[in-house]
Amino acid sequence: MATDWTEISRGVRERMLDTNFRHIRIHYHADPLKDESWAKKTSIRYGGMQSAKWRREMEIDYSAVEGQPVYPMLCSEHVQHYPLADNWAVYRVVDHGIRHPCVCLWVGVNRHGDRHVFREYYMVGKTIAFNCEQILRLTPDDENVIQTLIDPSTRQRVPISSKDKAPVSILSLYNQSFGFACVLADNSRAGYDTVRDGLLSVLARKVIREGNLDNDSEFAKEYFGEVELSSAELEFMAHKPALTFEPSVRRVFREMRNLRFKEVTGDVTQKAAPEEIMDFEDDGPDCVRYAMQSKIRFVKADKRLEKGSHLWELARRRMNKNPRYVNRRKNIYA
């Protein structure tokens, strides 16, 4: 067995392993320049000194993820009302589910890359065709949606029936039901950090604009009130794309606040446990992560022609006669 830890000097501990190798841990306290003030300022980007990410990476506490909130900085400052006008581009983000909820979020993106979640759709136990119909119904005719992003796991092929020997992808079913091709979102785990940066950006901009934060968030009081942040540090955080929520999207905001890390199992001293998120009411937060991590930007949408009008009929005929469009549509629905 490995021996107990022995402190060699400030911030440096060692132990002897069974293989006669020395295991040395070096804490940031070993650097005399990294005091408590440095730790508080630096930990803001990790979610605070009590966050799981800081405790794991800087305090060398491998069990820190257990039950910790993923977004401890989320507070009432992130609930804002923005009237969407021409300076916002609208995207839809879909997370597939039948037993789990099928979720769609409408996200506005401005010229700075800020994301604003302003509409939500949750449904359990319905078909893909039904959900697509409801999502299109909830989208006003004068709201020009740039793209509809979807979870990349929908590329998985499933049989339509027990006798079906040619399974189709879930993505193709969405494309067929929507009537257009969806775009695969970026679902990488780096999106959790991108969401944290977006939430911190809102708080930093508030401090720069008004000089303080007047809310009941303990995180905001501790790290933006008690800690003296320099202008450069605030500007660094405020420069990142911000993330806000419309007051009407109550369910996704609640799920974001309740999202927790999984319980750590096994011997964490021998192998570091992965930072796994609890698979409970995480469908809405997944859509938020897709919206923040995917490369979506502000673009001006083409004006939608009134259905049944002369120009609409001419455009439809032109597309139906274009062989490139016809072949592409065949590939999408194949």
Protein backbone atom coordinates (compact mmCIF):
# COMPACT_ATOMS: atom_id res chain seq x y z
CA MET A 1 0.00 0.00 0.00
CA ALA A 2 0.99 3.58 -0.53
CA THR A 3 2.24 5.45 2.51
CA ASP A 4 0.49 8.46 4.06
CA TRP A 5 1.12 11.92 2.74
CA THR A 6 4.03 13.83 4.28
CA GLU A 7 4.37 17.60 3.99
CA ILE A 8 7.85 18.50 2.75
CA SER A 9 7.39 22.27 2.58
CA ARG A 10 4.62 24.81 2.16
CA GLY A 11 2.25 23.47 -0.50
CA VAL A 12 4.36 20.38 -1.31
CA ARG A 13 3.47 16.86 -0.13
CA GLU A 14 4.82 13.43 -1.03
CA ARG A 15 4.14 9.75 -0.43
CA MET A 16 5.78 6.45 -1.43
CA LEU A 17 3.85 4.18 -3.79
CA ASP A 18 3.93 0.37 -3.88
CA THR A 19 6.15 0.58 -6.96
CA ASN A 20 8.84 2.48 -4.97
CA PHE A 21 8.06 5.68 -6.88
CA ARG A 22 7.55 8.93 -5.03
CA HIS A 23 4.22 10.65 -5.62
CA ILE A 24 4.58 14.43 -5.17
CA ARG A 25 1.73 16.95 -5.13
CA ILE A 26 2.49 20.63 -5.55
CA HIS A 27 -0.25 23.05 -4.45
CA TYR A 28 -0.45 26.66 -5.63
CA HIS A 29 0.44 27.68 -2.06
CA ALA A 30 3.99 26.62 -2.91
CA ASP A 31 4.26 29.83 -4.96
CA PRO A 32 4.68 32.73 -2.49
CA LEU A 33 3.04 35.14 -4.98
CA LYS A 34 -0.21 33.17 -5.01
CA ASP A 35 -1.92 34.25 -1.81
CA GLU A 36 -5.59 34.20 -0.80
CA SER A 37 -6.32 37.40 -2.73
CA TRP A 38 -4.90 35.85 -5.92
CA ALA A 39 -6.92 32.69 -5.34
CA LYS A 40 -10.21 34.59 -4.95
CA LYS A 41 -9.67 36.62 -8.11
CA THR A 42 -8.54 33.66 -10.20
CA SER A 43 -11.31 31.37 -8.96
CA ILE A 44 -14.02 33.61 -10.44
CA ARG A 45 -13.42 32.12 -13.90
CA TYR A 46 -13.84 28.65 -12.37
CA GLY A 47 -17.09 29.51 -10.61
CA GLY A 48 -15.68 30.53 -7.21
CA MET A 49 -13.52 28.83 -4.60
CA GLN A 50 -16.38 26.51 -3.61
CA SER A 51 -17.01 25.37 -7.18
CA ALA A 52 -16.19 21.82 -8.16
CA LYS A 53 -13.91 22.90 -11.03
CA TRP A 54 -11.71 25.06 -8.77
CA ARG A 55 -11.53 22.50 -5.98
CA ARG A 56 -10.60 19.70 -8.37
CA GLU A 57 -8.04 21.54 -10.49
CA MET A 58 -6.48 23.91 -7.95
CA GLU A 59 -7.19 22.42 -4.51
CA ILE A 60 -6.47 18.82 -5.70
CA ASP A 61 -9.78 17.60 -4.26
CA TYR A 62 -10.84 14.77 -6.57
CA SER A 63 -14.19 14.25 -4.81
CA ALA A 64 -15.23 17.88 -5.21
CA VAL A 65 -17.69 17.29 -8.05
CA GLU A 66 -20.14 15.38 -5.88
CA GLY A 67 -23.43 17.26 -5.74
CA GLN A 68 -21.89 20.62 -6.65
CA PRO A 69 -23.90 22.99 -8.87
CA VAL A 70 -22.55 23.27 -12.39
CA TYR A 71 -23.40 26.99 -12.69
CA PRO A 72 -23.14 28.58 -9.21
CA MET A 73 -22.92 32.08 -10.72
CA LEU A 74 -26.43 31.93 -12.23
CA CYS A 75 -28.68 34.55 -10.57
CA SER A 76 -31.45 37.06 -11.19
CA GLU A 77 -29.07 39.32 -13.19
CA HIS A 78 -29.26 36.78 -16.01
CA VAL A 79 -33.02 37.24 -16.42
CA GLN A 80 -33.52 40.15 -18.81
CA HIS A 81 -36.18 41.30 -21.24
CA TYR A 82 -34.93 42.27 -24.69
CA PRO A 83 -37.39 43.19 -27.47
CA LEU A 84 -36.07 41.29 -30.47
CA ALA A 85 -35.63 43.60 -33.44
CA ASP A 86 -33.48 43.68 -36.58
CA ASN A 87 -30.31 43.71 -34.46
CA TRP A 88 -30.94 40.09 -33.36
CA ALA A 89 -30.68 36.91 -35.46
CA VAL A 90 -32.92 34.03 -34.37
CA TYR A 91 -31.81 30.39 -34.13
CA ARG A 92 -33.66 27.31 -32.91
CA VAL A 93 -31.85 24.63 -30.86
CA VAL A 94 -33.43 21.17 -30.52
CA ASP A 95 -32.61 18.30 -28.15
CA HIS A 96 -34.31 15.08 -29.23
CA GLY A 97 -36.35 13.06 -26.78
CA ILE A 98 -39.46 10.90 -26.51
CA ARG A 99 -39.35 9.43 -23.01
CA HIS A 100 -37.08 12.31 -22.05
CA PRO A 101 -38.52 15.69 -23.04
CA CYS A 102 -38.06 16.93 -26.56
CA VAL A 103 -36.79 20.47 -26.02
CA CYS A 104 -36.54 23.40 -28.39
CA LEU A 105 -35.13 26.78 -27.43
CA TRP A 106 -35.35 29.94 -29.51
CA VAL A 107 -32.10 31.88 -29.14
CA GLY A 108 -31.36 35.40 -30.31
CA VAL A 109 -27.79 36.36 -31.31
CA ASN A 110 -26.69 39.99 -31.65
CA ARG A 111 -23.68 41.52 -33.39
CA HIS A 112 -21.48 40.93 -30.32
CA GLY A 113 -22.30 37.22 -30.26
CA ASP A 114 -24.42 37.49 -27.10
CA ARG A 115 -27.08 34.77 -26.69
CA HIS A 116 -30.57 35.47 -25.38
CA VAL A 117 -32.97 32.55 -24.77
CA PHE A 118 -36.48 33.96 -25.30
CA ARG A 119 -38.81 31.01 -25.97
CA GLU A 120 -38.96 27.34 -24.91
CA TYR A 121 -40.84 24.19 -25.89
CA TYR A 122 -40.99 20.99 -23.79
CA MET A 123 -42.94 17.87 -24.72
CA VAL A 124 -42.84 14.23 -23.55
CA GLY A 125 -44.19 11.13 -25.27
CA LYS A 126 -44.95 12.64 -28.68
CA THR A 127 -43.69 11.72 -32.13
CA ILE A 128 -41.04 13.62 -34.05
CA ALA A 129 -43.62 14.82 -36.57
CA PHE A 130 -45.87 16.19 -33.79
CA ASN A 131 -42.99 18.02 -32.08
CA CYS A 132 -41.79 19.55 -35.34
CA GLU A 133 -45.29 20.73 -36.15
CA GLN A 134 -45.64 22.39 -32.74
CA ILE A 135 -42.21 24.03 -32.99
CA LEU A 136 -43.10 25.51 -36.38
CA ARG A 137 -46.49 26.62 -35.04
CA LEU A 138 -44.84 28.45 -32.14
CA THR A 139 -42.55 30.31 -34.54
CA PRO A 140 -44.34 33.46 -35.81
CA ASP A 141 -44.52 33.91 -39.58
CA ASP A 142 -42.59 37.19 -39.42
CA GLU A 143 -39.77 35.64 -37.36
CA ASN A 144 -37.00 34.73 -39.79
CA VAL A 145 -35.07 31.82 -38.29
CA ILE A 146 -31.50 31.54 -39.61
CA GLN A 147 -30.90 27.87 -38.73
CA THR A 148 -32.27 25.05 -36.62
CA LEU A 149 -29.51 23.30 -34.67
CA ILE A 150 -29.95 19.76 -33.35
CA ASP A 151 -28.11 17.32 -31.11
CA PRO A 152 -25.52 15.35 -33.19
CA SER A 153 -26.64 12.10 -31.54
CA THR A 154 -29.65 12.21 -33.90
CA ARG A 155 -27.37 10.80 -36.61
CA GLN A 156 -27.99 7.42 -34.97
CA ARG A 157 -30.02 5.11 -37.20
CA VAL A 158 -33.13 3.43 -35.81
CA PRO A 159 -35.52 0.91 -37.43
CA ILE A 160 -38.98 2.23 -38.21
CA SER A 161 -40.53 -1.17 -37.37
CA SER A 162 -39.45 -4.67 -36.30
CA LYS A 163 -39.53 -5.79 -39.95
CA ASP A 164 -37.54 -2.83 -41.20
CA LYS A 165 -34.14 -3.92 -42.54
CA ALA A 166 -33.09 -0.42 -43.61
CA PRO A 167 -33.04 1.79 -40.49
CA VAL A 168 -33.07 5.55 -40.94
CA SER A 169 -31.40 8.24 -38.89
CA ILE A 170 -33.38 10.31 -36.43
CA LEU A 171 -31.90 13.38 -38.11
CA SER A 172 -33.53 12.46 -41.44
CA LEU A 173 -36.90 12.16 -39.67
CA TYR A 174 -36.49 15.69 -38.29
CA ASN A 175 -35.45 17.00 -41.71
CA GLN A 176 -38.48 15.39 -43.30
CA SER A 177 -40.90 16.67 -40.64
CA PHE A 178 -39.50 20.20 -40.64
CA GLY A 179 -39.26 20.36 -44.43
CA PHE A 180 -35.66 21.60 -44.33
CA ALA A 181 -32.25 20.36 -43.23
CA CYS A 182 -31.23 20.85 -39.60
CA VAL A 183 -27.64 21.73 -38.71
CA LEU A 184 -25.68 19.56 -36.28
CA ALA A 185 -24.81 21.45 -33.10
CA ASP A 186 -21.49 21.33 -31.27
CA ASN A 187 -22.10 19.19 -28.17
CA SER A 188 -18.51 19.06 -26.89
CA ARG A 189 -17.92 19.23 -23.15
CA ALA A 190 -16.08 22.51 -23.62
CA GLY A 191 -19.55 24.02 -23.88
CA TYR A 192 -19.91 23.91 -20.08
CA ASP A 193 -17.00 26.35 -19.78
CA THR A 194 -18.43 28.50 -22.59
CA VAL A 195 -21.73 28.74 -20.69
CA ARG A 196 -19.88 29.73 -17.50
CA ASP A 197 -18.01 32.44 -19.44
CA GLY A 198 -21.33 33.76 -20.78
CA LEU A 199 -22.86 33.94 -17.30
CA LEU A 200 -19.77 35.68 -15.86
CA SER A 201 -19.79 38.15 -18.75
CA VAL A 202 -23.24 39.39 -17.69
CA LEU A 203 -22.04 40.04 -14.13
CA ALA A 204 -18.83 41.73 -15.24
CA ARG A 205 -20.70 44.06 -17.59
CA LYS A 206 -23.08 45.00 -14.80
CA VAL A 207 -20.16 45.96 -12.54
CA ILE A 208 -18.48 47.98 -15.30
CA ARG A 209 -21.73 49.75 -16.13
CA GLU A 210 -23.05 50.48 -12.63
CA GLY A 211 -20.13 49.84 -10.30
CA ASN A 212 -21.87 47.17 -8.19
CA LEU A 213 -24.31 44.27 -8.20
CA ASP A 214 -27.57 44.78 -6.33
CA ASN A 215 -28.99 41.26 -6.01
CA ASP A 216 -29.27 38.38 -3.57
CA SER A 217 -26.64 36.13 -5.22
CA GLU A 218 -24.01 35.04 -2.71
CA PHE A 219 -21.59 34.35 -5.56
CA ALA A 220 -22.02 37.86 -6.98
CA LYS A 221 -21.65 39.48 -3.55
CA GLU A 222 -18.49 37.56 -2.72
CA TYR A 223 -16.62 37.69 -6.02
CA PHE A 224 -17.83 40.98 -7.49
CA GLY A 225 -18.36 42.89 -4.26
CA GLU A 226 -15.80 41.88 -1.67
CA VAL A 227 -12.98 41.07 -4.14
CA GLU A 228 -11.38 44.10 -5.75
CA LEU A 229 -11.17 43.24 -9.45
CA SER A 230 -9.08 45.40 -11.76
CA SER A 231 -10.54 47.01 -14.87
CA ALA A 232 -8.50 44.66 -17.06
CA GLU A 233 -9.90 41.59 -15.28
CA LEU A 234 -13.47 42.85 -15.63
CA GLU A 235 -12.92 43.74 -19.29
CA PHE A 236 -11.52 40.26 -19.95
CA MET A 237 -14.68 38.63 -18.61
CA ALA A 238 -17.07 41.17 -20.16
CA HIS A 239 -15.54 40.64 -23.61
CA LYS A 240 -16.91 37.08 -23.81
CA PRO A 241 -20.37 36.53 -25.39
CA ALA A 242 -23.03 37.00 -22.69
CA LEU A 243 -25.90 34.62 -21.89
CA THR A 244 -29.28 35.87 -20.69
CA PHE A 245 -32.81 34.47 -20.35
CA GLU A 246 -36.24 35.96 -20.98
CA PRO A 247 -38.47 35.94 -17.85
CA SER A 248 -40.92 33.62 -19.66
CA VAL A 249 -38.45 30.72 -20.03
CA ARG A 250 -38.88 29.58 -16.44
CA ARG A 251 -38.32 25.85 -16.92
CA VAL A 252 -34.94 26.00 -18.63
CA PHE A 253 -33.75 28.61 -16.12
CA ARG A 254 -34.81 26.35 -13.23
CA GLU A 255 -33.05 23.36 -14.78
CA MET A 256 -29.88 25.43 -15.21
CA ARG A 257 -29.91 26.34 -11.51
CA ASN A 258 -30.58 22.76 -10.41
CA LEU A 259 -27.97 21.08 -12.64
CA ARG A 260 -25.52 19.11 -10.48
CA PHE A 261 -22.42 16.96 -10.85
CA LYS A 262 -22.71 13.21 -10.33
CA GLU A 263 -21.61 11.44 -7.18
CA VAL A 264 -17.99 10.28 -7.33
CA THR A 265 -17.39 6.54 -6.93
CA GLY A 266 -14.24 4.42 -6.66
CA ASP A 267 -10.82 5.25 -5.27
CA VAL A 268 -10.23 8.82 -6.39
CA THR A 269 -6.64 8.77 -5.11
CA GLN A 270 -5.64 6.20 -7.71
CA LYS A 271 -7.63 7.44 -10.70
CA ALA A 272 -9.24 10.81 -11.20
CA ALA A 273 -13.00 10.55 -11.60
CA PRO A 274 -14.45 12.30 -14.68
CA GLU A 275 -16.63 15.37 -14.22
CA GLU A 276 -19.96 13.79 -15.12
CA ILE A 277 -23.22 15.73 -15.04
CA MET A 278 -26.33 14.18 -13.50
CA ASP A 279 -28.64 12.89 -16.21
CA PHE A 280 -31.71 14.45 -14.62
CA GLU A 281 -33.56 17.41 -16.13
CA ASP A 282 -30.53 18.28 -18.24
CA ASP A 283 -32.29 18.53 -21.61
CA GLY A 284 -32.82 22.29 -21.46
CA PRO A 285 -29.26 22.99 -20.22
CA ASP A 286 -27.97 20.80 -23.07
CA CYS A 287 -29.72 23.08 -25.57
CA VAL A 288 -28.19 26.13 -23.88
CA ARG A 289 -24.76 24.48 -24.13
CA TYR A 290 -25.29 23.76 -27.84
CA ALA A 291 -26.28 27.39 -28.45
CA MET A 292 -23.21 28.75 -26.68
CA GLN A 293 -20.66 26.32 -28.11
CA SER A 294 -21.88 26.17 -31.73
CA LYS A 295 -20.53 28.72 -34.18
CA ILE A 296 -23.66 30.79 -34.68
CA ARG A 297 -23.45 34.50 -35.40
CA PHE A 298 -25.50 37.51 -36.31
CA VAL A 299 -26.63 37.50 -39.94
CA LYS A 300 -29.55 39.19 -41.61
CA ALA A 301 -32.18 36.67 -42.64
CA ASP A 302 -33.82 36.79 -46.04
CA LYS A 303 -37.29 38.22 -45.86
CA ARG A 304 -39.89 35.48 -45.96
CA LEU A 305 -42.29 35.69 -48.88
CA GLU A 306 -45.98 35.53 -48.07
CA LYS A 307 -47.22 32.01 -48.75
CA GLY A 308 -49.46 31.83 -51.82
CA SER A 309 -48.27 35.15 -53.24
CA HIS A 310 -47.05 35.55 -56.83
CA LEU A 311 -43.39 35.91 -55.77
CA TRP A 312 -43.67 32.89 -53.46
CA GLU A 313 -45.09 30.77 -56.31
CA LEU A 314 -42.31 31.87 -58.68
CA ALA A 315 -39.62 31.02 -56.10
CA ARG A 316 -41.15 27.60 -55.47
CA ARG A 317 -41.24 26.77 -59.18
CA ARG A 318 -37.66 27.98 -59.64
CA MET A 319 -36.39 25.74 -56.84
CA ASN A 320 -38.34 22.72 -58.07
CA LYS A 321 -36.81 23.07 -61.52
CA ASN A 322 -33.24 23.55 -60.28
CA PRO A 323 -31.52 20.11 -60.57
CA ARG A 324 -28.98 20.94 -57.84
CA TYR A 325 -31.75 21.77 -55.39
CA VAL A 326 -33.79 18.70 -56.38
CA ASN A 327 -30.79 16.34 -55.95
CA ARG A 328 -29.88 17.88 -52.59
CA ARG A 329 -33.45 17.51 -51.36
CA LYS A 330 -33.44 13.83 -52.44
CA ASN A 331 -30.26 13.23 -50.44
CA ILE A 332 -31.75 14.89 -47.36
CA TYR A 333 -34.90 12.78 -47.43
CA ALA A 334 -33.11 9.56 -48.45
